[in-house]
PDB file of N, CA and C in Angstrom:
ATOM      1  N   UNK A   1      30.285  46.270   6.841  1.00  0.00           N
ATOM      2  CA  UNK A   1      29.609  46.431   5.580  1.00  0.00           C
ATOM      3  C   UNK A   1      28.113  46.586   5.852  1.00  0.00           C
ATOM      4  N   UNK A   2      27.529  47.635   5.344  1.00  0.00           N
ATOM      5  CA  UNK A   2      26.114  47.890   5.570  1.00  0.00           C
ATOM      6  C   UNK A   2      25.265  47.150   4.553  1.00  0.00           C
ATOM      7  N   UNK A   3      24.141  46.645   5.053  1.00  0.00           N
ATOM      8  CA  UNK A   3      23.198  45.978   4.158  1.00  0.00           C
ATOM      9  C   UNK A   3      22.222  47.011   3.626  1.00  0.00           C
ATOM     10  N   UNK A   4      21.884  46.857   2.403  1.00  0.00           N
ATOM     11  CA  UNK A   4      20.903  47.776   1.847  1.00  0.00           C
ATOM     12  C   UNK A   4      19.525  47.418   2.376  1.00  0.00           C
ATOM     13  N   UNK A   5      18.600  48.318   2.258  1.00  0.00           N
ATOM     14  CA  UNK A   5      17.245  48.073   2.759  1.00  0.00           C
ATOM     15  C   UNK A   5      16.568  46.942   2.010  1.00  0.00           C
ATOM     16  N   UNK A   6      16.904  46.800   0.766  1.00  0.00           N
ATOM     17  CA  UNK A   6      16.302  45.720  -0.030  1.00  0.00           C
ATOM     18  C   UNK A   6      16.748  44.345   0.477  1.00  0.00           C
ATOM     19  N   UNK A   7      18.031  44.227   0.820  1.00  0.00           N
ATOM     20  CA  UNK A   7      18.524  42.960   1.347  1.00  0.00           C
ATOM     21  C   UNK A   7      17.943  42.660   2.726  1.00  0.00           C
ATOM     22  N   UNK A   8      17.780  43.692   3.537  1.00  0.00           N
ATOM     23  CA  UNK A   8      17.156  43.501   4.847  1.00  0.00           C
ATOM     24  C   UNK A   8      15.718  43.027   4.707  1.00  0.00           C
ATOM     25  N   UNK A   9      15.013  43.609   3.774  1.00  0.00           N
ATOM     26  CA  UNK A   9      13.635  43.201   3.544  1.00  0.00           C
ATOM     27  C   UNK A   9      13.576  41.775   2.999  1.00  0.00           C
ATOM     28  N   UNK A  10      14.518  41.416   2.151  1.00  0.00           N
ATOM     29  CA  UNK A  10      14.554  40.067   1.599  1.00  0.00           C
ATOM     30  C   UNK A  10      14.848  39.036   2.676  1.00  0.00           C
ATOM     31  N   UNK A  11      15.647  39.394   3.680  1.00  0.00           N
ATOM     32  CA  UNK A  11      15.952  38.470   4.770  1.00  0.00           C
ATOM     33  C   UNK A  11      14.719  38.127   5.595  1.00  0.00           C
ATOM     34  N   UNK A  12      13.757  39.024   5.651  1.00  0.00           N
ATOM     35  CA  UNK A  12      12.526  38.753   6.397  1.00  0.00           C
ATOM     36  C   UNK A  12      11.707  37.641   5.752  1.00  0.00           C
ATOM     37  N   UNK A  13      11.807  37.509   4.434  1.00  0.00           N
ATOM     38  CA  UNK A  13      10.995  36.530   3.717  1.00  0.00           C
ATOM     39  C   UNK A  13      11.762  35.257   3.376  1.00  0.00           C
ATOM     40  N   UNK A  14      12.887  35.036   4.017  1.00  0.00           N
ATOM     41  CA  UNK A  14      13.671  33.829   3.801  1.00  0.00           C
ATOM     42  C   UNK A  14      13.277  32.776   4.828  1.00  0.00           C
ATOM     43  N   UNK A  15      12.993  31.581   4.354  1.00  0.00           N
ATOM     44  CA  UNK A  15      12.616  30.494   5.249  1.00  0.00           C
ATOM     45  C   UNK A  15      13.901  29.831   5.735  1.00  0.00           C
ATOM     46  N   UNK A  16      14.113  29.867   7.047  1.00  0.00           N
ATOM     47  CA  UNK A  16      15.377  29.380   7.596  1.00  0.00           C
ATOM     48  C   UNK A  16      15.244  28.050   8.327  1.00  0.00           C
ATOM     49  N   UNK A  17      14.092  27.769   8.927  1.00  0.00           N
ATOM     50  CA  UNK A  17      13.942  26.553   9.729  1.00  0.00           C
ATOM     51  C   UNK A  17      12.774  25.723   9.225  1.00  0.00           C
ATOM     52  N   UNK A  18      12.738  24.465   9.682  1.00  0.00           N
ATOM     53  CA  UNK A  18      11.646  23.575   9.301  1.00  0.00           C
ATOM     54  C   UNK A  18      10.324  24.054   9.891  1.00  0.00           C
ATOM     55  N   UNK A  19      10.378  24.664  11.055  1.00  0.00           N
ATOM     56  CA  UNK A  19       9.147  25.166  11.690  1.00  0.00           C
ATOM     57  C   UNK A  19       8.516  26.250  10.830  1.00  0.00           C
ATOM     58  N   UNK A  20       9.329  27.152  10.316  1.00  0.00           N
ATOM     59  CA  UNK A  20       8.801  28.189   9.430  1.00  0.00           C
ATOM     60  C   UNK A  20       8.203  27.569   8.169  1.00  0.00           C
ATOM     61  N   UNK A  21       8.833  26.523   7.655  1.00  0.00           N
ATOM     62  CA  UNK A  21       8.311  25.848   6.460  1.00  0.00           C
ATOM     63  C   UNK A  21       6.973  25.188   6.765  1.00  0.00           C
ATOM     64  N   UNK A  22       6.839  24.609   7.942  1.00  0.00           N
ATOM     65  CA  UNK A  22       5.567  23.977   8.310  1.00  0.00           C
ATOM     66  C   UNK A  22       4.455  25.010   8.498  1.00  0.00           C
ATOM     67  N   UNK A  23       4.795  26.155   9.114  1.00  0.00           N
ATOM     68  CA  UNK A  23       3.792  27.214   9.260  1.00  0.00           C
ATOM     69  C   UNK A  23       3.327  27.732   7.901  1.00  0.00           C
ATOM     70  N   UNK A  24       4.255  27.888   6.985  1.00  0.00           N
ATOM     71  CA  UNK A  24       3.904  28.358   5.647  1.00  0.00           C
ATOM     72  C   UNK A  24       3.052  27.323   4.914  1.00  0.00           C
ATOM     73  N   UNK A  25       3.367  26.044   5.091  1.00  0.00           N
ATOM     74  CA  UNK A  25       2.567  24.986   4.482  1.00  0.00           C
ATOM     75  C   UNK A  25       1.141  24.994   5.032  1.00  0.00           C
ATOM     76  N   UNK A  26       1.010  25.237   6.329  1.00  0.00           N
ATOM     77  CA  UNK A  26      -0.317  25.325   6.941  1.00  0.00           C
ATOM     78  C   UNK A  26      -1.113  26.491   6.341  1.00  0.00           C
ATOM     79  N   UNK A  27      -0.462  27.635   6.160  1.00  0.00           N
ATOM     80  CA  UNK A  27      -1.143  28.790   5.577  1.00  0.00           C
ATOM     81  C   UNK A  27      -1.578  28.503   4.138  1.00  0.00           C
ATOM     82  N   UNK A  28      -0.725  27.811   3.387  1.00  0.00           N
ATOM     83  CA  UNK A  28      -1.089  27.448   2.010  1.00  0.00           C
ATOM     84  C   UNK A  28      -2.283  26.497   2.016  1.00  0.00           C
ATOM     85  N   UNK A  29      -2.306  25.556   2.967  1.00  0.00           N
ATOM     86  CA  UNK A  29      -3.410  24.590   3.038  1.00  0.00           C
ATOM     87  C   UNK A  29      -4.732  25.276   3.384  1.00  0.00           C
ATOM     88  N   UNK A  30      -4.695  26.227   4.296  1.00  0.00           N
ATOM     89  CA  UNK A  30      -5.921  26.949   4.661  1.00  0.00           C
ATOM     90  C   UNK A  30      -6.455  27.726   3.460  1.00  0.00           C
ATOM     91  N   UNK A  31      -5.569  28.384   2.732  1.00  0.00           N
ATOM     92  CA  UNK A  31      -5.989  29.117   1.534  1.00  0.00           C
ATOM     93  C   UNK A  31      -6.518  28.199   0.447  1.00  0.00           C
ATOM     94  N   UNK A  32      -5.911  27.009   0.322  1.00  0.00           N
ATOM     95  CA  UNK A  32      -6.371  26.067  -0.701  1.00  0.00           C
ATOM     96  C   UNK A  32      -7.757  25.529  -0.367  1.00  0.00           C
ATOM     97  N   UNK A  33      -8.025  25.280   0.891  1.00  0.00           N
ATOM     98  CA  UNK A  33      -9.359  24.806   1.284  1.00  0.00           C
ATOM     99  C   UNK A  33     -10.407  25.878   1.014  1.00  0.00           C
ATOM    100  N   UNK A  34     -10.070  27.116   1.334  1.00  0.00           N
ATOM    101  CA  UNK A  34     -11.017  28.217   1.095  1.00  0.00           C
ATOM    102  C   UNK A  34     -11.319  28.368  -0.398  1.00  0.00           C
ATOM    103  N   UNK A  35     -10.277  28.298  -1.211  1.00  0.00           N
ATOM    104  CA  UNK A  35     -10.486  28.415  -2.657  1.00  0.00           C
ATOM    105  C   UNK A  35     -11.277  27.225  -3.184  1.00  0.00           C
ATOM    106  N   UNK A  36     -11.000  26.030  -2.654  1.00  0.00           N
ATOM    107  CA  UNK A  36     -11.744  24.844  -3.070  1.00  0.00           C
ATOM    108  C   UNK A  36     -13.227  24.961  -2.752  1.00  0.00           C
ATOM    109  N   UNK A  37     -13.555  25.526  -1.606  1.00  0.00           N
ATOM    110  CA  UNK A  37     -14.970  25.731  -1.258  1.00  0.00           C
ATOM    111  C   UNK A  37     -15.639  26.726  -2.208  1.00  0.00           C
ATOM    112  N   UNK A  38     -14.893  27.756  -2.602  1.00  0.00           N
ATOM    113  CA  UNK A  38     -15.440  28.712  -3.574  1.00  0.00           C
ATOM    114  C   UNK A  38     -15.692  28.039  -4.925  1.00  0.00           C
ATOM    115  N   UNK A  39     -14.769  27.158  -5.336  1.00  0.00           N
ATOM    116  CA  UNK A  39     -14.976  26.445  -6.600  1.00  0.00           C
ATOM    117  C   UNK A  39     -16.208  25.547  -6.532  1.00  0.00           C
ATOM    118  N   UNK A  40     -16.431  24.908  -5.390  1.00  0.00           N
ATOM    119  CA  UNK A  40     -17.603  24.036  -5.255  1.00  0.00           C
ATOM    120  C   UNK A  40     -18.882  24.863  -5.335  1.00  0.00           C
ATOM    121  N   UNK A  41     -18.858  26.076  -4.753  1.00  0.00           N
ATOM    122  CA  UNK A  41     -20.035  26.945  -4.821  1.00  0.00           C
ATOM    123  C   UNK A  41     -20.269  27.482  -6.229  1.00  0.00           C
ATOM    124  N   UNK A  42     -19.192  27.875  -6.924  1.00  0.00           N
ATOM    125  CA  UNK A  42     -19.344  28.483  -8.246  1.00  0.00           C
ATOM    126  C   UNK A  42     -19.677  27.462  -9.323  1.00  0.00           C
ATOM    127  N   UNK A  43     -19.004  26.328  -9.311  1.00  0.00           N
ATOM    128  CA  UNK A  43     -19.206  25.304 -10.342  1.00  0.00           C
ATOM    129  C   UNK A  43     -19.922  24.113  -9.707  1.00  0.00           C
ATOM    130  N   UNK A  44     -21.214  24.043  -9.931  1.00  0.00           N
ATOM    131  CA  UNK A  44     -22.020  22.970  -9.345  1.00  0.00           C
ATOM    132  C   UNK A  44     -21.696  21.651 -10.030  1.00  0.00           C
ATOM    133  N   UNK A  45     -21.644  20.589  -9.252  1.00  0.00           N
ATOM    134  CA  UNK A  45     -21.463  19.264  -9.836  1.00  0.00           C
ATOM    135  C   UNK A  45     -20.015  18.805  -9.829  1.00  0.00           C
ATOM    136  N   UNK A  46     -19.739  17.956 -10.823  1.00  0.00           N
ATOM    137  CA  UNK A  46     -18.458  17.256 -10.904  1.00  0.00           C
ATOM    138  C   UNK A  46     -17.279  18.210 -11.110  1.00  0.00           C
ATOM    139  N   UNK A  47     -17.436  19.229 -11.934  1.00  0.00           N
ATOM    140  CA  UNK A  47     -16.321  20.128 -12.238  1.00  0.00           C
ATOM    141  C   UNK A  47     -15.869  20.909 -11.003  1.00  0.00           C
ATOM    142  N   UNK A  48     -16.771  21.283 -10.125  1.00  0.00           N
ATOM    143  CA  UNK A  48     -16.402  21.985  -8.892  1.00  0.00           C
ATOM    144  C   UNK A  48     -15.571  21.102  -7.976  1.00  0.00           C
ATOM    145  N   UNK A  49     -15.957  19.818  -7.890  1.00  0.00           N
ATOM    146  CA  UNK A  49     -15.203  18.888  -7.046  1.00  0.00           C
ATOM    147  C   UNK A  49     -13.812  18.601  -7.609  1.00  0.00           C
ATOM    148  N   UNK A  50     -13.702  18.553  -8.924  1.00  0.00           N
ATOM    149  CA  UNK A  50     -12.390  18.327  -9.545  1.00  0.00           C
ATOM    150  C   UNK A  50     -11.473  19.520  -9.280  1.00  0.00           C
ATOM    151  N   UNK A  51     -11.998  20.734  -9.431  1.00  0.00           N
ATOM    152  CA  UNK A  51     -11.178  21.921  -9.158  1.00  0.00           C
ATOM    153  C   UNK A  51     -10.805  22.016  -7.676  1.00  0.00           C
ATOM    154  N   UNK A  52     -11.721  21.634  -6.785  1.00  0.00           N
ATOM    155  CA  UNK A  52     -11.424  21.647  -5.348  1.00  0.00           C
ATOM    156  C   UNK A  52     -10.339  20.623  -5.013  1.00  0.00           C
ATOM    157  N   UNK A  53     -10.390  19.448  -5.640  1.00  0.00           N
ATOM    158  CA  UNK A  53      -9.358  18.429  -5.406  1.00  0.00           C
ATOM    159  C   UNK A  53      -8.004  18.900  -5.924  1.00  0.00           C
ATOM    160  N   UNK A  54      -8.014  19.615  -7.047  1.00  0.00           N
ATOM    161  CA  UNK A  54      -6.754  20.152  -7.561  1.00  0.00           C
ATOM    162  C   UNK A  54      -6.179  21.191  -6.597  1.00  0.00           C
ATOM    163  N   UNK A  55      -7.057  21.991  -5.996  1.00  0.00           N
ATOM    164  CA  UNK A  55      -6.587  22.972  -5.010  1.00  0.00           C
ATOM    165  C   UNK A  55      -6.005  22.283  -3.778  1.00  0.00           C
ATOM    166  N   UNK A  56      -6.602  21.174  -3.372  1.00  0.00           N
ATOM    167  CA  UNK A  56      -6.118  20.491  -2.175  1.00  0.00           C
ATOM    168  C   UNK A  56      -4.811  19.728  -2.419  1.00  0.00           C
ATOM    169  N   UNK A  57      -4.463  19.497  -3.661  1.00  0.00           N
ATOM    170  CA  UNK A  57      -3.191  18.840  -3.952  1.00  0.00           C
ATOM    171  C   UNK A  57      -2.001  19.779  -3.869  1.00  0.00           C
ATOM    172  N   UNK A  58      -2.264  21.073  -3.987  1.00  0.00           N
ATOM    173  CA  UNK A  58      -1.177  22.065  -3.977  1.00  0.00           C
ATOM    174  C   UNK A  58      -0.394  22.069  -2.659  1.00  0.00           C
ATOM    175  N   UNK A  59      -1.037  22.035  -1.478  1.00  0.00           N
ATOM    176  CA  UNK A  59      -0.245  22.061  -0.236  1.00  0.00           C
ATOM    177  C   UNK A  59       0.688  20.869  -0.086  1.00  0.00           C
ATOM    178  N   UNK A  60       0.303  19.719  -0.623  1.00  0.00           N
ATOM    179  CA  UNK A  60       1.178  18.554  -0.526  1.00  0.00           C
ATOM    180  C   UNK A  60       2.468  18.771  -1.320  1.00  0.00           C
ATOM    181  N   UNK A  61       2.329  19.274  -2.530  1.00  0.00           N
ATOM    182  CA  UNK A  61       3.500  19.493  -3.378  1.00  0.00           C
ATOM    183  C   UNK A  61       4.349  20.643  -2.834  1.00  0.00           C
ATOM    184  N   UNK A  62       3.699  21.753  -2.499  1.00  0.00           N
ATOM    185  CA  UNK A  62       4.436  22.920  -2.010  1.00  0.00           C
ATOM    186  C   UNK A  62       5.083  22.636  -0.653  1.00  0.00           C
ATOM    187  N   UNK A  63       4.374  21.933   0.223  1.00  0.00           N
ATOM    188  CA  UNK A  63       4.930  21.616   1.539  1.00  0.00           C
ATOM    189  C   UNK A  63       6.148  20.710   1.440  1.00  0.00           C
ATOM    190  N   UNK A  64       6.082  19.731   0.549  1.00  0.00           N
ATOM    191  CA  UNK A  64       7.234  18.838   0.380  1.00  0.00           C
ATOM    192  C   UNK A  64       8.440  19.605  -0.143  1.00  0.00           C
ATOM    193  N   UNK A  65       8.218  20.491  -1.087  1.00  0.00           N
ATOM    194  CA  UNK A  65       9.329  21.286  -1.633  1.00  0.00           C
ATOM    195  C   UNK A  65       9.914  22.221  -0.577  1.00  0.00           C
ATOM    196  N   UNK A  66       9.049  22.844   0.222  1.00  0.00           N
ATOM    197  CA  UNK A  66       9.527  23.773   1.243  1.00  0.00           C
ATOM    198  C   UNK A  66      10.341  23.055   2.313  1.00  0.00           C
ATOM    199  N   UNK A  67       9.848  21.926   2.776  1.00  0.00           N
ATOM    200  CA  UNK A  67      10.550  21.201   3.841  1.00  0.00           C
ATOM    201  C   UNK A  67      11.875  20.643   3.323  1.00  0.00           C
ATOM    202  N   UNK A  68      11.892  20.191   2.074  1.00  0.00           N
ATOM    203  CA  UNK A  68      13.144  19.671   1.515  1.00  0.00           C
ATOM    204  C   UNK A  68      14.165  20.781   1.252  1.00  0.00           C
ATOM    205  N   UNK A  69      13.692  21.996   1.031  1.00  0.00           N
ATOM    206  CA  UNK A  69      14.616  23.076   0.695  1.00  0.00           C
ATOM    207  C   UNK A  69      15.331  23.645   1.911  1.00  0.00           C
ATOM    208  N   UNK A  70      14.794  23.407   3.093  1.00  0.00           N
ATOM    209  CA  UNK A  70      15.421  23.940   4.304  1.00  0.00           C
ATOM    210  C   UNK A  70      16.611  23.059   4.666  1.00  0.00           C
ATOM    211  N   UNK A  71      17.736  23.677   4.922  1.00  0.00           N
ATOM    212  CA  UNK A  71      18.938  22.925   5.263  1.00  0.00           C
ATOM    213  C   UNK A  71      18.794  22.331   6.662  1.00  0.00           C
ATOM    214  N   UNK A  72      19.249  21.097   6.801  1.00  0.00           N
ATOM    215  CA  UNK A  72      19.227  20.469   8.114  1.00  0.00           C
ATOM    216  C   UNK A  72      20.376  21.014   8.942  1.00  0.00           C
ATOM    217  N   UNK A  73      20.143  21.097  10.244  1.00  0.00           N
ATOM    218  CA  UNK A  73      21.187  21.568  11.140  1.00  0.00           C
ATOM    219  C   UNK A  73      22.281  20.516  11.226  1.00  0.00           C
ATOM    220  N   UNK A  74      23.545  20.924  11.160  1.00  0.00           N
ATOM    221  CA  UNK A  74      24.621  19.929  11.276  1.00  0.00           C
ATOM    222  C   UNK A  74      24.642  19.329  12.670  1.00  0.00           C
ATOM    223  N   UNK A  75      25.029  18.070  12.730  1.00  0.00           N
ATOM    224  CA  UNK A  75      25.106  17.388  14.012  1.00  0.00           C
ATOM    225  C   UNK A  75      26.238  17.992  14.833  1.00  0.00           C
ATOM    226  N   UNK A  76      26.057  18.066  16.146  1.00  0.00           N
ATOM    227  CA  UNK A  76      27.128  18.626  16.961  1.00  0.00           C
ATOM    228  C   UNK A  76      28.368  17.739  16.906  1.00  0.00           C
ATOM    229  N   UNK A  77      29.520  18.361  16.905  1.00  0.00           N
ATOM    230  CA  UNK A  77      30.776  17.639  16.803  1.00  0.00           C
ATOM    231  C   UNK A  77      31.136  17.093  18.178  1.00  0.00           C
ATOM    232  N   UNK A  78      31.370  15.774  18.235  1.00  0.00           N
ATOM    233  CA  UNK A  78      31.782  15.162  19.488  1.00  0.00           C
ATOM    234  C   UNK A  78      33.287  14.935  19.438  1.00  0.00           C
ATOM    235  N   UNK A  79      33.960  15.449  20.438  1.00  0.00           N
ATOM    236  CA  UNK A  79      35.398  15.287  20.498  1.00  0.00           C
ATOM    237  C   UNK A  79      35.730  13.889  20.999  1.00  0.00           C
ATOM    238  N   UNK A  80      36.771  13.265  20.449  1.00  0.00           N
ATOM    239  CA  UNK A  80      37.133  11.924  20.913  1.00  0.00           C
ATOM    240  C   UNK A  80      37.691  11.978  22.334  1.00  0.00           C
ATOM    241  N   UNK A  81      37.356  10.956  23.110  1.00  0.00           N
ATOM    242  CA  UNK A  81      37.840  10.862  24.483  1.00  0.00           C
ATOM    243  C   UNK A  81      39.184  10.143  24.453  1.00  0.00           C
ATOM    244  N   UNK A  82      40.203  10.680  25.111  1.00  0.00           N
ATOM    245  CA  UNK A  82      41.506  10.011  25.108  1.00  0.00           C
ATOM    246  C   UNK A  82      41.412   8.613  25.723  1.00  0.00           C
ATOM    247  N   UNK A  83      42.223   7.693  25.203  1.00  0.00           N
ATOM    248  CA  UNK A  83      42.179   6.307  25.664  1.00  0.00           C
ATOM    249  C   UNK A  83      42.582   6.189  27.127  1.00  0.00           C
ATOM    250  N   UNK A  84      43.415   7.090  27.620  1.00  0.00           N
ATOM    251  CA  UNK A  84      43.838   7.022  29.016  1.00  0.00           C
ATOM    252  C   UNK A  84      42.656   7.214  29.960  1.00  0.00           C
ATOM    253  N   UNK A  85      41.697   8.035  29.551  1.00  0.00           N
ATOM    254  CA  UNK A  85      40.533   8.253  30.400  1.00  0.00           C
ATOM    255  C   UNK A  85      39.567   7.082  30.354  1.00  0.00           C
ATOM    256  N   UNK A  86      39.559   6.359  29.237  1.00  0.00           N
ATOM    257  CA  UNK A  86      38.647   5.229  29.120  1.00  0.00           C
ATOM    258  C   UNK A  86      39.149   4.006  29.875  1.00  0.00           C
ATOM    259  N   UNK A  87      40.446   3.777  29.853  1.00  0.00           N
ATOM    260  CA  UNK A  87      41.016   2.592  30.503  1.00  0.00           C
ATOM    261  C   UNK A  87      41.389   2.915  31.937  1.00  0.00           C
ATOM    262  N   UNK A  88      40.840   2.164  32.829  1.00  0.00           N
ATOM    263  CA  UNK A  88      41.214   2.264  34.227  1.00  0.00           C
ATOM    264  C   UNK A  88      41.873   0.958  34.617  1.00  0.00           C
ATOM    265  N   UNK A  89      42.691   1.025  35.582  1.00  0.00           N
ATOM    266  CA  UNK A  89      43.373  -0.188  36.022  1.00  0.00           C
ATOM    267  C   UNK A  89      42.351  -1.149  36.604  1.00  0.00           C
ATOM    268  N   UNK A  90      42.347  -2.357  36.109  1.00  0.00           N
ATOM    269  CA  UNK A  90      41.450  -3.386  36.620  1.00  0.00           C
ATOM    270  C   UNK A  90      40.096  -3.425  35.929  1.00  0.00           C
ATOM    271  N   UNK A  91      39.777  -2.459  35.097  1.00  0.00           N
ATOM    272  CA  UNK A  91      38.495  -2.462  34.404  1.00  0.00           C
ATOM    273  C   UNK A  91      38.556  -3.454  33.249  1.00  0.00           C
ATOM    274  N   UNK A  92      37.513  -4.248  33.065  1.00  0.00           N
ATOM    275  CA  UNK A  92      37.541  -5.232  31.979  1.00  0.00           C
ATOM    276  C   UNK A  92      37.481  -4.551  30.621  1.00  0.00           C
ATOM    277  N   UNK A  93      38.214  -5.079  29.678  1.00  0.00           N
ATOM    278  CA  UNK A  93      38.174  -4.575  28.314  1.00  0.00           C
ATOM    279  C   UNK A  93      37.050  -5.276  27.583  1.00  0.00           C
ATOM    280  N   UNK A  94      36.237  -4.514  26.921  1.00  0.00           N
ATOM    281  CA  UNK A  94      35.094  -5.075  26.223  1.00  0.00           C
ATOM    282  C   UNK A  94      35.357  -5.097  24.729  1.00  0.00           C
ATOM    283  N   UNK A  95      35.018  -6.206  24.106  1.00  0.00           N
ATOM    284  CA  UNK A  95      35.072  -6.260  22.658  1.00  0.00           C
ATOM    285  C   UNK A  95      34.087  -7.327  22.214  1.00  0.00           C
ATOM    286  N   UNK A  96      33.896  -7.451  20.914  1.00  0.00           N
ATOM    287  CA  UNK A  96      32.915  -8.400  20.401  1.00  0.00           C
ATOM    288  C   UNK A  96      33.392  -9.838  20.468  1.00  0.00           C
ATOM    289  N   UNK A  97      34.699 -10.069  20.501  1.00  0.00           N
ATOM    290  CA  UNK A  97      35.187 -11.429  20.461  1.00  0.00           C
ATOM    291  C   UNK A  97      35.676 -11.922  21.821  1.00  0.00           C
ATOM    292  N   UNK A  98      35.378 -11.188  22.868  1.00  0.00           N
ATOM    293  CA  UNK A  98      35.727 -11.625  24.215  1.00  0.00           C
ATOM    294  C   UNK A  98      34.493 -11.615  25.095  1.00  0.00           C
ATOM    295  N   UNK A  99      34.447 -12.493  26.092  1.00  0.00           N
ATOM    296  CA  UNK A  99      33.333 -12.424  27.038  1.00  0.00           C
ATOM    297  C   UNK A  99      33.409 -11.138  27.853  1.00  0.00           C
ATOM    298  N   UNK A 100      32.269 -10.706  28.360  1.00  0.00           N
ATOM    299  CA  UNK A 100      32.212  -9.455  29.101  1.00  0.00           C
ATOM    300  C   UNK A 100      32.690  -9.583  30.541  1.00  0.00           C
ATOM    301  N   UNK A 101      32.932 -10.790  31.027  1.00  0.00           N
ATOM    302  CA  UNK A 101      33.261 -10.982  32.429  1.00  0.00           C
ATOM    303  C   UNK A 101      34.662 -10.552  32.816  1.00  0.00           C
ATOM    304  N   UNK A 102      35.477 -10.193  31.925  1.00  0.00           N
ATOM    305  CA  UNK A 102      36.842  -9.807  32.242  1.00  0.00           C
ATOM    306  C   UNK A 102      37.822 -10.763  31.563  1.00  0.00           C
ATOM    307  N   UNK A 103      39.038 -10.375  31.525  1.00  0.00           N
ATOM    308  CA  UNK A 103      40.037 -11.139  30.795  1.00  0.00           C
ATOM    309  C   UNK A 103      40.795 -12.056  31.745  1.00  0.00           C
ATOM    310  N   UNK A 104      40.960 -13.320  31.332  1.00  0.00           N
ATOM    311  CA  UNK A 104      41.731 -14.263  32.127  1.00  0.00           C
ATOM    312  C   UNK A 104      43.055 -14.507  31.417  1.00  0.00           C
ATOM    313  N   UNK A 105      44.135 -14.308  32.094  1.00  0.00           N
ATOM    314  CA  UNK A 105      45.458 -14.482  31.505  1.00  0.00           C
ATOM    315  C   UNK A 105      46.092 -15.816  31.911  1.00  0.00           C
ATOM    316  N   UNK A 106      45.299 -16.856  32.095  1.00  0.00           N
ATOM    317  CA  UNK A 106      45.859 -18.118  32.555  1.00  0.00           C
ATOM    318  C   UNK A 106      46.343 -18.999  31.411  1.00  0.00           C
ATOM    319  N   UNK A 107      45.929 -18.708  30.192  1.00  0.00           N
ATOM    320  CA  UNK A 107      46.372 -19.493  29.047  1.00  0.00           C
ATOM    321  C   UNK A 107      45.881 -20.927  29.129  1.00  0.00           C
ATOM    322  N   UNK A 108      46.779 -21.906  29.019  1.00  0.00           N
ATOM    323  CA  UNK A 108      46.381 -23.310  29.034  1.00  0.00           C
ATOM    324  C   UNK A 108      46.512 -23.918  30.420  1.00  0.00           C
ATOM    325  N   UNK A 109      46.543 -23.090  31.431  1.00  0.00           N
ATOM    326  CA  UNK A 109      46.671 -23.602  32.791  1.00  0.00           C
ATOM    327  C   UNK A 109      45.403 -24.319  33.246  1.00  0.00           C
ATOM    328  N   UNK A 110      44.278 -24.017  32.637  1.00  0.00           N
ATOM    329  CA  UNK A 110      43.042 -24.695  33.005  1.00  0.00           C
ATOM    330  C   UNK A 110      42.990 -26.075  32.371  1.00  0.00           C
ATOM    331  N   UNK A 111      42.448 -27.037  33.085  1.00  0.00           N
ATOM    332  CA  UNK A 111      42.325 -28.382  32.533  1.00  0.00           C
ATOM    333  C   UNK A 111      41.355 -28.413  31.361  1.00  0.00           C
ATOM    334  N   UNK A 112      40.292 -27.596  31.417  1.00  0.00           N
ATOM    335  CA  UNK A 112      39.278 -27.607  30.372  1.00  0.00           C
ATOM    336  C   UNK A 112      39.777 -26.970  29.079  1.00  0.00           C
ATOM    337  N   UNK A 113      40.888 -26.271  29.132  1.00  0.00           N
ATOM    338  CA  UNK A 113      41.393 -25.593  27.946  1.00  0.00           C
ATOM    339  C   UNK A 113      42.045 -26.585  27.006  1.00  0.00           C
ATOM    340  N   UNK A 114      41.744 -26.499  25.727  1.00  0.00           N
ATOM    341  CA  UNK A 114      42.345 -27.381  24.735  1.00  0.00           C
ATOM    342  C   UNK A 114      43.498 -26.663  24.006  1.00  0.00           C
ATOM    343  N   UNK A 115      43.827 -25.503  24.480  1.00  0.00           N
ATOM    344  CA  UNK A 115      44.849 -24.711  23.839  1.00  0.00           C
ATOM    345  C   UNK A 115      46.236 -25.251  24.163  1.00  0.00           C
ATOM    346  N   UNK A 116      47.100 -25.289  23.174  1.00  0.00           N
ATOM    347  CA  UNK A 116      48.477 -25.761  23.360  1.00  0.00           C
ATOM    348  C   UNK A 116      49.420 -24.574  23.180  1.00  0.00           C
ATOM    349  N   UNK A 117      50.201 -24.301  24.167  1.00  0.00           N
ATOM    350  CA  UNK A 117      51.161 -23.198  24.075  1.00  0.00           C
ATOM    351  C   UNK A 117      52.474 -23.643  23.508  1.00  0.00           C
TER     352      UNK A 117
END
């Protein structure tokens, strides 16, 4: 299926990654600072500073919207490892309710054990 020239041109202006969104935010910030300086020159006093501050608020709002609009990359899928590969003969089984030193199968054979079989 062929894409029309209009769709091809539209694909050039689509923001696909967070890096592109950050570059665009930087460009907006540079333009806002330049416009703010012009407002300070044209409107002497308090009104020029208010208009410049309004210009400097635009990159914060636009940058947040741009970064939020970019889809995050999905996490890579990790395949489960078969249990046969994890368990080796003689390797201690680890869990939260057992000590890490290995499993003792002596039951109540120890004198210190209070367990009754």
